[in-house]
N, C-alpha and C. Protein backbone atom coordinates (compact mmCIF):
# COMPACT_ATOMS: atom_id res chain seq x y z
N MET A 1 104.06 109.14 104.89
CA MET A 1 105.27 108.86 104.13
C MET A 1 106.41 109.80 104.53
N VAL A 2 106.17 111.12 104.43
CA VAL A 2 107.18 112.11 104.81
C VAL A 2 106.57 113.03 105.86
N GLN A 3 107.24 113.14 106.98
CA GLN A 3 106.77 114.01 108.05
C GLN A 3 107.91 114.93 108.48
N LEU A 4 107.66 116.23 108.40
CA LEU A 4 108.64 117.22 108.85
C LEU A 4 108.15 117.80 110.17
N GLU A 5 109.03 117.81 111.16
CA GLU A 5 108.66 118.31 112.48
C GLU A 5 109.60 119.45 112.88
N ASN A 6 109.08 120.68 112.78
CA ASN A 6 109.81 121.87 113.22
C ASN A 6 111.22 121.96 112.63
N ILE A 7 111.29 121.80 111.31
CA ILE A 7 112.57 121.83 110.62
C ILE A 7 113.07 123.27 110.47
N SER A 8 114.26 123.52 110.96
CA SER A 8 114.94 124.80 110.75
C SER A 8 116.32 124.53 110.18
N LYS A 9 116.78 125.44 109.34
CA LYS A 9 118.15 125.38 108.84
C LYS A 9 118.73 126.78 108.84
N ILE A 10 119.83 126.94 109.59
CA ILE A 10 120.48 128.22 109.72
C ILE A 10 121.89 128.11 109.14
N TYR A 11 122.19 128.99 108.19
CA TYR A 11 123.54 129.08 107.64
C TYR A 11 124.27 130.23 108.33
N ARG A 12 125.51 129.99 108.67
CA ARG A 12 126.32 131.03 109.30
C ARG A 12 127.29 131.60 108.26
N THR A 13 127.19 132.89 108.04
CA THR A 13 128.03 133.58 107.07
C THR A 13 128.84 134.67 107.76
N ARG A 14 129.70 135.30 107.00
CA ARG A 14 130.51 136.39 107.56
C ARG A 14 129.63 137.56 107.99
N ARG A 15 128.48 137.68 107.37
CA ARG A 15 127.59 138.79 107.69
C ARG A 15 126.55 138.42 108.75
N GLY A 16 126.68 137.22 109.26
CA GLY A 16 125.74 136.80 110.30
C GLY A 16 124.99 135.54 109.89
N GLN A 17 123.90 135.28 110.57
CA GLN A 17 123.12 134.07 110.34
C GLN A 17 122.04 134.31 109.28
N VAL A 18 121.84 133.28 108.47
CA VAL A 18 120.76 133.29 107.48
C VAL A 18 119.85 132.11 107.79
N LYS A 19 118.59 132.39 108.06
CA LYS A 19 117.64 131.33 108.39
C LYS A 19 116.93 130.91 107.11
N ALA A 20 117.37 129.77 106.53
CA ALA A 20 116.80 129.29 105.27
C ALA A 20 115.46 128.61 105.48
N LEU A 21 115.32 127.89 106.59
CA LEU A 21 114.06 127.25 106.95
C LEU A 21 113.75 127.61 108.38
N ASP A 22 112.48 127.90 108.65
CA ASP A 22 112.10 128.43 109.96
C ASP A 22 110.94 127.61 110.55
N LYS A 23 111.30 126.55 111.27
CA LYS A 23 110.33 125.72 112.02
C LYS A 23 109.19 125.24 111.13
N ILE A 24 109.56 124.56 110.04
CA ILE A 24 108.57 124.04 109.10
C ILE A 24 108.05 122.68 109.58
N SER A 25 106.74 122.53 109.56
CA SER A 25 106.11 121.25 109.88
C SER A 25 104.99 120.99 108.88
N PHE A 26 105.04 119.85 108.20
CA PHE A 26 103.92 119.38 107.39
C PHE A 26 104.15 117.94 107.01
N GLN A 27 103.14 117.31 106.46
CA GLN A 27 103.20 115.91 106.09
C GLN A 27 102.89 115.74 104.60
N ILE A 28 103.50 114.73 104.02
CA ILE A 28 103.21 114.33 102.65
C ILE A 28 102.83 112.86 102.69
N GLN A 29 101.65 112.55 102.18
CA GLN A 29 101.16 111.19 102.22
C GLN A 29 101.79 110.34 101.12
N GLU A 30 101.83 109.05 101.36
CA GLU A 30 102.35 108.13 100.35
C GLU A 30 101.49 108.24 99.08
N GLY A 31 102.16 108.37 97.93
CA GLY A 31 101.46 108.45 96.66
C GLY A 31 101.01 109.84 96.28
N GLU A 32 101.36 110.86 97.05
CA GLU A 32 101.01 112.23 96.70
C GLU A 32 101.99 112.81 95.69
N PHE A 33 101.50 113.74 94.88
CA PHE A 33 102.32 114.56 94.00
C PHE A 33 102.21 115.98 94.54
N VAL A 34 103.28 116.47 95.15
CA VAL A 34 103.27 117.77 95.81
C VAL A 34 104.21 118.72 95.09
N VAL A 35 103.70 119.88 94.76
CA VAL A 35 104.51 120.96 94.18
C VAL A 35 104.83 121.96 95.28
N VAL A 36 106.10 122.33 95.38
CA VAL A 36 106.54 123.35 96.33
C VAL A 36 106.99 124.56 95.54
N ARG A 37 106.30 125.68 95.74
CA ARG A 37 106.62 126.90 95.01
C ARG A 37 107.00 128.01 95.96
N GLY A 38 107.69 129.01 95.41
CA GLY A 38 108.08 130.16 96.19
C GLY A 38 109.15 130.94 95.46
N PRO A 39 109.38 132.18 95.85
CA PRO A 39 110.39 133.00 95.18
C PRO A 39 111.80 132.49 95.44
N SER A 40 112.76 132.97 94.67
CA SER A 40 114.16 132.63 94.92
C SER A 40 114.54 133.03 96.34
N GLY A 41 115.28 132.14 97.00
CA GLY A 41 115.70 132.42 98.36
C GLY A 41 114.68 132.07 99.42
N SER A 42 113.58 131.46 99.02
CA SER A 42 112.54 131.13 100.00
C SER A 42 112.82 129.86 100.78
N GLY A 43 113.83 129.07 100.36
CA GLY A 43 114.20 127.86 101.08
C GLY A 43 113.77 126.57 100.40
N LYS A 44 113.32 126.66 99.14
CA LYS A 44 112.77 125.47 98.46
C LYS A 44 113.82 124.36 98.30
N THR A 45 114.98 124.72 97.78
CA THR A 45 116.02 123.70 97.56
C THR A 45 116.54 123.17 98.89
N THR A 46 116.71 124.04 99.87
CA THR A 46 117.14 123.60 101.20
C THR A 46 116.15 122.59 101.77
N LEU A 47 114.87 122.86 101.60
CA LEU A 47 113.85 121.93 102.08
C LEU A 47 113.96 120.58 101.38
N LEU A 48 114.13 120.60 100.07
CA LEU A 48 114.20 119.35 99.31
C LEU A 48 115.42 118.54 99.73
N LEU A 49 116.55 119.19 99.90
CA LEU A 49 117.77 118.48 100.31
C LEU A 49 117.64 117.92 101.71
N ALA A 50 116.93 118.64 102.58
CA ALA A 50 116.70 118.12 103.93
C ALA A 50 115.82 116.88 103.90
N ILE A 51 114.76 116.92 103.08
CA ILE A 51 113.89 115.75 102.94
C ILE A 51 114.67 114.57 102.39
N GLY A 52 115.60 114.84 101.46
CA GLY A 52 116.35 113.77 100.82
C GLY A 52 117.52 113.24 101.60
N GLY A 53 117.72 113.73 102.81
CA GLY A 53 118.83 113.21 103.62
C GLY A 53 120.18 113.73 103.21
N MET A 54 120.22 114.83 102.47
CA MET A 54 121.48 115.36 101.96
C MET A 54 121.92 116.64 102.68
N LEU A 55 121.09 117.18 103.55
CA LEU A 55 121.43 118.41 104.25
C LEU A 55 120.84 118.35 105.65
N HIS A 56 121.71 118.22 106.64
CA HIS A 56 121.26 118.04 108.01
C HIS A 56 120.63 119.34 108.53
N PRO A 57 119.38 119.28 108.97
CA PRO A 57 118.75 120.49 109.52
C PRO A 57 119.48 120.95 110.79
N THR A 58 119.37 122.23 111.08
CA THR A 58 119.90 122.74 112.34
C THR A 58 119.10 122.20 113.51
N SER A 59 117.79 122.06 113.32
CA SER A 59 116.93 121.49 114.35
C SER A 59 115.71 120.86 113.68
N GLY A 60 115.02 120.02 114.42
CA GLY A 60 113.83 119.36 113.89
C GLY A 60 114.11 117.96 113.39
N ARG A 61 113.05 117.29 112.96
CA ARG A 61 113.17 115.89 112.52
C ARG A 61 112.54 115.71 111.15
N VAL A 62 113.16 114.86 110.35
CA VAL A 62 112.60 114.41 109.07
C VAL A 62 112.35 112.92 109.19
N ILE A 63 111.09 112.52 109.11
CA ILE A 63 110.72 111.12 109.25
C ILE A 63 110.15 110.64 107.93
N ILE A 64 110.72 109.59 107.39
CA ILE A 64 110.24 108.97 106.15
C ILE A 64 109.84 107.54 106.49
N GLY A 65 108.56 107.24 106.25
CA GLY A 65 108.04 105.97 106.75
C GLY A 65 108.05 106.02 108.27
N ASP A 66 108.81 105.11 108.86
CA ASP A 66 108.97 105.14 110.32
C ASP A 66 110.40 105.44 110.71
N LYS A 67 111.18 106.00 109.78
CA LYS A 67 112.60 106.25 110.01
C LYS A 67 112.89 107.73 110.21
N ASP A 68 113.50 108.05 111.32
CA ASP A 68 114.02 109.40 111.56
C ASP A 68 115.38 109.44 110.88
N ILE A 69 115.45 110.04 109.70
CA ILE A 69 116.63 109.83 108.87
C ILE A 69 117.89 110.51 109.42
N TYR A 70 117.73 111.56 110.19
CA TYR A 70 118.92 112.21 110.74
C TYR A 70 119.32 111.64 112.10
N ALA A 71 118.59 110.63 112.57
CA ALA A 71 119.04 109.85 113.73
C ALA A 71 119.93 108.69 113.27
N MET A 72 120.00 108.48 111.95
CA MET A 72 120.85 107.43 111.39
C MET A 72 122.30 107.90 111.29
N SER A 73 123.22 106.95 111.18
CA SER A 73 124.60 107.29 110.84
C SER A 73 124.65 107.73 109.37
N LYS A 74 125.74 108.38 108.96
CA LYS A 74 125.88 108.81 107.57
C LYS A 74 125.77 107.62 106.61
N ARG A 75 126.38 106.52 106.99
CA ARG A 75 126.35 105.32 106.14
C ARG A 75 124.93 104.76 106.04
N GLU A 76 124.24 104.70 107.17
CA GLU A 76 122.86 104.20 107.16
C GLU A 76 121.95 105.13 106.34
N ARG A 77 122.16 106.43 106.48
CA ARG A 77 121.34 107.38 105.74
C ARG A 77 121.61 107.28 104.24
N ALA A 78 122.87 107.11 103.86
CA ALA A 78 123.20 106.96 102.44
C ALA A 78 122.56 105.71 101.86
N GLN A 79 122.56 104.62 102.62
CA GLN A 79 121.94 103.38 102.16
C GLN A 79 120.43 103.55 102.04
N PHE A 80 119.83 104.20 103.02
CA PHE A 80 118.39 104.44 102.99
C PHE A 80 118.03 105.30 101.78
N ARG A 81 118.82 106.33 101.53
CA ARG A 81 118.57 107.22 100.41
C ARG A 81 118.66 106.45 99.08
N ALA A 82 119.68 105.61 98.96
CA ALA A 82 119.86 104.85 97.72
C ALA A 82 118.71 103.90 97.46
N GLU A 83 118.12 103.37 98.52
CA GLU A 83 117.05 102.38 98.37
C GLU A 83 115.67 102.99 98.23
N ASN A 84 115.50 104.25 98.63
CA ASN A 84 114.16 104.80 98.72
C ASN A 84 113.90 106.08 97.94
N ILE A 85 114.96 106.81 97.57
CA ILE A 85 114.78 108.16 97.03
C ILE A 85 115.53 108.32 95.71
N GLY A 86 114.83 108.87 94.72
CA GLY A 86 115.45 109.25 93.46
C GLY A 86 115.48 110.77 93.34
N PHE A 87 116.57 111.31 92.79
CA PHE A 87 116.73 112.75 92.67
C PHE A 87 116.79 113.16 91.20
N VAL A 88 116.14 114.28 90.88
CA VAL A 88 116.23 114.90 89.56
C VAL A 88 116.52 116.38 89.78
N PHE A 89 117.62 116.87 89.17
CA PHE A 89 118.05 118.23 89.40
C PHE A 89 117.96 119.09 88.14
N GLN A 90 117.87 120.38 88.33
CA GLN A 90 117.82 121.31 87.19
C GLN A 90 119.05 121.18 86.31
N MET A 91 120.23 121.04 86.92
CA MET A 91 121.48 121.01 86.17
C MET A 91 121.90 119.59 85.80
N PHE A 92 121.00 118.63 85.95
CA PHE A 92 121.16 117.25 85.49
C PHE A 92 122.16 116.43 86.32
N HIS A 93 123.33 117.00 86.62
CA HIS A 93 124.36 116.31 87.40
C HIS A 93 124.74 114.96 86.79
N LEU A 94 124.97 114.97 85.49
CA LEU A 94 125.48 113.78 84.81
C LEU A 94 127.01 113.82 84.81
N VAL A 95 127.63 112.65 84.83
CA VAL A 95 129.09 112.57 84.77
C VAL A 95 129.52 112.73 83.32
N PRO A 96 130.31 113.75 82.99
CA PRO A 96 130.58 114.09 81.59
C PRO A 96 131.31 113.03 80.79
N TYR A 97 132.13 112.21 81.44
CA TYR A 97 132.91 111.21 80.70
C TYR A 97 132.22 109.85 80.62
N LEU A 98 131.02 109.74 81.18
CA LEU A 98 130.23 108.51 81.08
C LEU A 98 129.13 108.69 80.04
N ASN A 99 128.78 107.60 79.36
CA ASN A 99 127.69 107.70 78.38
C ASN A 99 126.33 107.59 79.09
N VAL A 100 125.28 107.63 78.30
CA VAL A 100 123.93 107.67 78.85
C VAL A 100 123.64 106.46 79.73
N ILE A 101 123.91 105.29 79.24
CA ILE A 101 123.57 104.10 80.01
C ILE A 101 124.43 103.99 81.26
N GLU A 102 125.69 104.41 81.17
CA GLU A 102 126.56 104.39 82.34
C GLU A 102 126.09 105.39 83.39
N ASN A 103 125.63 106.56 82.95
CA ASN A 103 125.08 107.53 83.88
C ASN A 103 123.80 107.02 84.54
N ALA A 104 122.96 106.35 83.75
CA ALA A 104 121.72 105.81 84.30
C ALA A 104 121.99 104.76 85.37
N LEU A 105 123.05 103.98 85.15
CA LEU A 105 123.39 102.90 86.08
C LEU A 105 124.18 103.38 87.29
N LEU A 106 124.64 104.63 87.26
CA LEU A 106 125.60 105.11 88.24
C LEU A 106 125.11 104.98 89.67
N ALA A 107 123.85 105.34 89.91
CA ALA A 107 123.33 105.32 91.28
C ALA A 107 122.57 104.05 91.62
N SER A 108 122.62 103.07 90.72
CA SER A 108 121.81 101.87 90.92
C SER A 108 122.47 100.90 91.87
N GLY A 109 121.65 100.11 92.53
CA GLY A 109 122.15 99.08 93.41
C GLY A 109 122.45 97.81 92.63
N ALA A 110 122.77 96.78 93.36
CA ALA A 110 123.15 95.52 92.74
C ALA A 110 122.00 94.91 91.96
N GLY A 111 120.75 95.29 92.29
CA GLY A 111 119.60 94.69 91.63
C GLY A 111 119.38 95.17 90.22
N ALA A 112 119.91 96.35 89.89
CA ALA A 112 119.71 96.90 88.55
C ALA A 112 120.72 96.31 87.59
N ASN A 113 120.32 96.13 86.34
CA ASN A 113 121.25 95.61 85.36
C ASN A 113 121.14 96.39 84.06
N ARG A 114 122.07 96.14 83.17
CA ARG A 114 122.14 96.91 81.93
C ARG A 114 120.89 96.73 81.08
N SER A 115 120.37 95.52 81.03
CA SER A 115 119.17 95.27 80.23
C SER A 115 117.99 96.08 80.75
N GLU A 116 117.82 96.14 82.06
CA GLU A 116 116.74 96.92 82.65
C GLU A 116 116.92 98.40 82.33
N ALA A 117 118.17 98.88 82.41
CA ALA A 117 118.45 100.28 82.08
C ALA A 117 118.13 100.58 80.62
N GLU A 118 118.47 99.68 79.73
CA GLU A 118 118.20 99.89 78.30
C GLU A 118 116.70 99.96 78.04
N LYS A 119 115.92 99.11 78.68
CA LYS A 119 114.47 99.13 78.50
C LYS A 119 113.87 100.43 79.03
N LEU A 120 114.36 100.89 80.17
CA LEU A 120 113.87 102.13 80.75
C LEU A 120 114.21 103.31 79.85
N LEU A 121 115.43 103.35 79.34
CA LEU A 121 115.84 104.44 78.45
C LEU A 121 115.01 104.44 77.17
N GLU A 122 114.69 103.26 76.67
CA GLU A 122 113.83 103.18 75.48
C GLU A 122 112.45 103.76 75.79
N ARG A 123 111.91 103.44 76.96
CA ARG A 123 110.61 103.95 77.35
C ARG A 123 110.63 105.47 77.49
N LEU A 124 111.78 106.02 77.84
CA LEU A 124 111.92 107.47 78.00
C LEU A 124 112.34 108.17 76.71
N GLY A 125 112.30 107.44 75.60
CA GLY A 125 112.62 108.05 74.32
C GLY A 125 114.08 108.23 74.04
N MET A 126 114.94 107.43 74.68
CA MET A 126 116.39 107.56 74.52
C MET A 126 117.00 106.43 73.72
N SER A 127 116.17 105.66 73.03
CA SER A 127 116.69 104.58 72.20
C SER A 127 117.61 105.15 71.13
N GLY A 128 118.77 104.54 70.99
CA GLY A 128 119.75 105.00 70.01
C GLY A 128 120.71 106.04 70.55
N ARG A 129 120.47 106.50 71.78
CA ARG A 129 121.35 107.52 72.39
C ARG A 129 122.15 106.96 73.57
N GLU A 130 122.03 105.66 73.80
CA GLU A 130 122.60 105.05 75.00
C GLU A 130 124.11 105.24 75.13
N HIS A 131 124.81 105.36 74.00
CA HIS A 131 126.27 105.43 74.05
C HIS A 131 126.80 106.84 73.81
N HIS A 132 125.91 107.81 73.84
CA HIS A 132 126.33 109.20 73.73
C HIS A 132 126.68 109.76 75.11
N ARG A 133 127.62 110.68 75.12
CA ARG A 133 127.98 111.36 76.37
C ARG A 133 127.12 112.61 76.53
N PRO A 134 127.04 113.14 77.76
CA PRO A 134 126.16 114.29 77.99
C PRO A 134 126.37 115.47 77.05
N SER A 135 127.62 115.73 76.66
CA SER A 135 127.90 116.86 75.77
C SER A 135 127.29 116.68 74.38
N GLU A 136 126.91 115.45 74.06
CA GLU A 136 126.33 115.14 72.75
C GLU A 136 124.81 115.11 72.80
N LEU A 137 124.23 115.45 73.94
CA LEU A 137 122.79 115.38 74.12
C LEU A 137 122.17 116.76 74.21
N SER A 138 120.90 116.85 73.86
CA SER A 138 120.15 118.08 74.10
C SER A 138 119.82 118.16 75.58
N ALA A 139 119.33 119.33 76.02
CA ALA A 139 118.95 119.49 77.42
C ALA A 139 117.86 118.51 77.81
N GLY A 140 116.88 118.33 76.92
CA GLY A 140 115.81 117.38 77.22
C GLY A 140 116.31 115.96 77.36
N GLU A 141 117.26 115.57 76.51
CA GLU A 141 117.82 114.22 76.59
C GLU A 141 118.64 114.04 77.87
N ARG A 142 119.34 115.08 78.27
CA ARG A 142 120.08 114.99 79.54
C ARG A 142 119.13 114.80 80.72
N GLN A 143 118.02 115.51 80.68
CA GLN A 143 117.09 115.37 81.80
C GLN A 143 116.41 114.01 81.78
N ARG A 144 116.13 113.46 80.60
CA ARG A 144 115.55 112.11 80.54
C ARG A 144 116.54 111.07 81.05
N THR A 145 117.83 111.29 80.79
CA THR A 145 118.85 110.41 81.35
C THR A 145 118.85 110.49 82.87
N ALA A 146 118.74 111.71 83.39
CA ALA A 146 118.69 111.89 84.85
C ALA A 146 117.46 111.22 85.45
N ILE A 147 116.33 111.28 84.74
CA ILE A 147 115.12 110.62 85.22
C ILE A 147 115.31 109.10 85.23
N ALA A 148 115.95 108.57 84.19
CA ALA A 148 116.24 107.14 84.17
C ALA A 148 117.09 106.73 85.37
N ARG A 149 118.08 107.53 85.66
CA ARG A 149 118.93 107.26 86.84
C ARG A 149 118.09 107.26 88.12
N ALA A 150 117.15 108.21 88.23
CA ALA A 150 116.31 108.30 89.42
C ALA A 150 115.36 107.12 89.55
N LEU A 151 114.86 106.62 88.41
CA LEU A 151 113.84 105.57 88.42
C LEU A 151 114.40 104.16 88.54
N LEU A 152 115.66 103.99 88.21
CA LEU A 152 116.19 102.64 88.02
C LEU A 152 116.19 101.81 89.30
N ASN A 153 116.28 102.46 90.44
CA ASN A 153 116.28 101.73 91.71
C ASN A 153 114.87 101.47 92.24
N HIS A 154 113.85 101.84 91.45
CA HIS A 154 112.46 101.69 91.89
C HIS A 154 112.24 102.37 93.25
N PRO A 155 112.50 103.68 93.32
CA PRO A 155 112.39 104.39 94.61
C PRO A 155 110.93 104.55 95.03
N ARG A 156 110.74 104.86 96.29
CA ARG A 156 109.41 105.19 96.80
C ARG A 156 109.09 106.65 96.56
N ILE A 157 110.13 107.49 96.52
CA ILE A 157 109.97 108.93 96.42
C ILE A 157 110.90 109.48 95.35
N ILE A 158 110.40 110.40 94.55
CA ILE A 158 111.27 111.19 93.67
C ILE A 158 111.21 112.64 94.12
N LEU A 159 112.39 113.21 94.32
CA LEU A 159 112.55 114.62 94.65
C LEU A 159 113.12 115.33 93.44
N ALA A 160 112.42 116.33 92.94
CA ALA A 160 112.83 117.02 91.72
C ALA A 160 112.99 118.51 92.00
N ASP A 161 114.21 119.01 91.78
CA ASP A 161 114.53 120.41 92.05
C ASP A 161 114.59 121.18 90.73
N GLU A 162 113.57 121.96 90.44
CA GLU A 162 113.48 122.73 89.19
C GLU A 162 113.79 121.84 87.98
N PRO A 163 113.12 120.70 87.84
CA PRO A 163 113.50 119.75 86.78
C PRO A 163 113.25 120.26 85.37
N THR A 164 112.46 121.33 85.23
CA THR A 164 112.17 121.88 83.90
C THR A 164 112.83 123.23 83.68
N GLY A 165 113.67 123.66 84.63
CA GLY A 165 114.21 125.01 84.58
C GLY A 165 115.07 125.31 83.37
N ASN A 166 115.71 124.29 82.79
CA ASN A 166 116.58 124.49 81.62
C ASN A 166 115.97 123.93 80.34
N LEU A 167 114.66 123.69 80.35
CA LEU A 167 114.03 123.03 79.21
C LEU A 167 113.03 123.94 78.52
N ASP A 168 112.84 123.69 77.21
CA ASP A 168 111.79 124.39 76.48
C ASP A 168 110.44 123.80 76.88
N PRO A 169 109.34 124.48 76.52
CA PRO A 169 108.02 124.01 76.99
C PRO A 169 107.69 122.58 76.61
N GLU A 170 108.06 122.14 75.42
CA GLU A 170 107.74 120.77 75.00
C GLU A 170 108.47 119.75 75.86
N ASN A 171 109.78 119.96 76.06
CA ASN A 171 110.54 119.02 76.89
C ASN A 171 110.13 119.11 78.35
N ALA A 172 109.77 120.31 78.80
CA ALA A 172 109.30 120.47 80.18
C ALA A 172 108.04 119.64 80.41
N ALA A 173 107.11 119.69 79.47
CA ALA A 173 105.87 118.92 79.59
C ALA A 173 106.16 117.42 79.60
N GLN A 174 107.13 116.98 78.79
CA GLN A 174 107.48 115.56 78.76
C GLN A 174 108.06 115.10 80.09
N VAL A 175 108.95 115.91 80.65
CA VAL A 175 109.58 115.55 81.91
C VAL A 175 108.54 115.45 83.03
N ILE A 176 107.66 116.43 83.11
CA ILE A 176 106.60 116.37 84.13
C ILE A 176 105.69 115.18 83.87
N GLY A 177 105.48 114.85 82.60
CA GLY A 177 104.68 113.68 82.26
C GLY A 177 105.29 112.39 82.79
N TYR A 178 106.62 112.26 82.72
CA TYR A 178 107.29 111.07 83.25
C TYR A 178 107.15 111.00 84.77
N LEU A 179 107.27 112.15 85.43
CA LEU A 179 107.08 112.17 86.88
C LEU A 179 105.64 111.83 87.24
N SER A 180 104.70 112.31 86.45
CA SER A 180 103.29 111.99 86.69
C SER A 180 103.02 110.50 86.49
N GLU A 181 103.68 109.89 85.52
CA GLU A 181 103.52 108.45 85.29
C GLU A 181 104.01 107.66 86.51
N PHE A 182 105.15 108.08 87.06
CA PHE A 182 105.66 107.45 88.29
C PHE A 182 104.65 107.61 89.42
N HIS A 183 104.05 108.78 89.51
CA HIS A 183 103.04 109.06 90.54
C HIS A 183 101.82 108.17 90.35
N ARG A 184 101.36 108.03 89.12
CA ARG A 184 100.18 107.18 88.87
C ARG A 184 100.45 105.73 89.22
N GLY A 185 101.71 105.34 89.18
CA GLY A 185 102.08 103.99 89.58
C GLY A 185 102.20 103.81 91.09
N GLY A 186 101.89 104.85 91.84
CA GLY A 186 101.91 104.76 93.30
C GLY A 186 103.07 105.46 93.98
N GLY A 187 103.97 106.06 93.18
CA GLY A 187 105.12 106.74 93.76
C GLY A 187 104.78 108.12 94.31
N THR A 188 105.59 108.57 95.24
CA THR A 188 105.45 109.90 95.83
C THR A 188 106.40 110.85 95.11
N VAL A 189 105.89 112.01 94.71
CA VAL A 189 106.69 112.99 93.97
C VAL A 189 106.63 114.33 94.70
N ILE A 190 107.79 114.94 94.89
CA ILE A 190 107.88 116.29 95.43
C ILE A 190 108.70 117.12 94.44
N VAL A 191 108.06 118.13 93.87
CA VAL A 191 108.70 118.96 92.86
C VAL A 191 108.83 120.38 93.38
N VAL A 192 110.04 120.88 93.40
CA VAL A 192 110.31 122.29 93.70
C VAL A 192 110.41 123.03 92.38
N THR A 193 109.65 124.11 92.23
CA THR A 193 109.65 124.80 90.94
C THR A 193 109.15 126.23 91.08
N HIS A 194 109.61 127.08 90.14
CA HIS A 194 109.05 128.42 90.00
C HIS A 194 107.83 128.40 89.08
N GLY A 195 107.83 127.45 88.15
CA GLY A 195 106.82 127.44 87.10
C GLY A 195 105.53 126.76 87.49
N VAL A 196 104.62 126.70 86.52
CA VAL A 196 103.29 126.16 86.78
C VAL A 196 103.02 124.87 85.99
N VAL A 197 104.02 124.39 85.23
CA VAL A 197 103.77 123.26 84.34
C VAL A 197 103.37 122.01 85.11
N ALA A 198 103.84 121.87 86.35
CA ALA A 198 103.52 120.66 87.13
C ALA A 198 102.19 120.77 87.87
N ASP A 199 101.60 121.96 87.90
CA ASP A 199 100.42 122.17 88.75
C ASP A 199 99.26 121.24 88.40
N GLN A 200 99.04 121.02 87.10
CA GLN A 200 97.88 120.22 86.69
C GLN A 200 98.03 118.75 87.07
N HIS A 201 99.25 118.32 87.38
CA HIS A 201 99.49 116.93 87.77
C HIS A 201 99.51 116.76 89.29
N SER A 202 99.53 117.87 90.02
CA SER A 202 99.77 117.79 91.46
C SER A 202 98.48 117.52 92.24
N ASP A 203 98.65 116.93 93.40
CA ASP A 203 97.56 116.78 94.36
C ASP A 203 97.48 117.99 95.28
N ARG A 204 98.61 118.69 95.42
CA ARG A 204 98.67 119.78 96.38
C ARG A 204 99.82 120.70 96.02
N ILE A 205 99.61 121.99 96.24
CA ILE A 205 100.67 122.99 96.03
C ILE A 205 100.96 123.64 97.37
N THR A 206 102.24 123.61 97.76
CA THR A 206 102.68 124.22 99.01
C THR A 206 103.56 125.42 98.68
N TYR A 207 103.32 126.52 99.35
CA TYR A 207 104.07 127.75 99.09
C TYR A 207 105.04 128.03 100.24
N LEU A 208 106.28 128.36 99.87
CA LEU A 208 107.28 128.77 100.84
C LEU A 208 107.58 130.25 100.66
N GLN A 209 107.75 130.92 101.77
CA GLN A 209 108.17 132.32 101.73
C GLN A 209 109.01 132.58 102.97
N ALA A 210 110.25 133.06 102.73
CA ALA A 210 111.17 133.36 103.84
C ALA A 210 111.33 132.18 104.78
N GLY A 211 111.40 130.97 104.20
CA GLY A 211 111.66 129.77 105.00
C GLY A 211 110.48 129.23 105.76
N GLN A 212 109.28 129.74 105.46
CA GLN A 212 108.09 129.27 106.16
C GLN A 212 107.02 128.85 105.16
N VAL A 213 106.20 127.88 105.56
CA VAL A 213 105.08 127.45 104.73
C VAL A 213 103.95 128.48 104.86
N LYS A 214 103.45 128.92 103.72
CA LYS A 214 102.38 129.92 103.70
C LYS A 214 101.08 129.31 103.20
């Protein structure tokens, strides 16, 4: 499903070069739930963004299915991402002036409709909150809205960057539970996290340190 071949990412700063990823190679099988752990600055988020087609590596290849995603044009990559990948972020990334259902529909393609979004939000415990804006929601409700947005396109892969980082233990467990449900349905999940709440749901834990897999 996901194959990384000698992925490196170098940032150039005023103080010199920073190597965020250093020739990383590994595979993730279709339907796996993989946790990526490591200290701050180890390259976890950079790795996730590279897998998701949002950050071009300095060198190496990211292959999803049979597609080398960085051999695509920006437009082709954006279309591929929209059709295959759902994102869940620590900071939610909801549009503040849109309500819950509008945020859920924001990244959806032509196939998604309001009725489908309403049913999904109800399943995620958001019934009655559809017309609230993000500022009127708890952190857990914001993250459930973000999960609805990620799921609505029926992606093959969900990439989650510290999805429980701003949540209390109860909401954190619920969020990981929703990701696990997607996994049990055959979806591939990659979670970047400092914590251990996702470990019991994972098929594999990968450790990053200084931009390398350990």
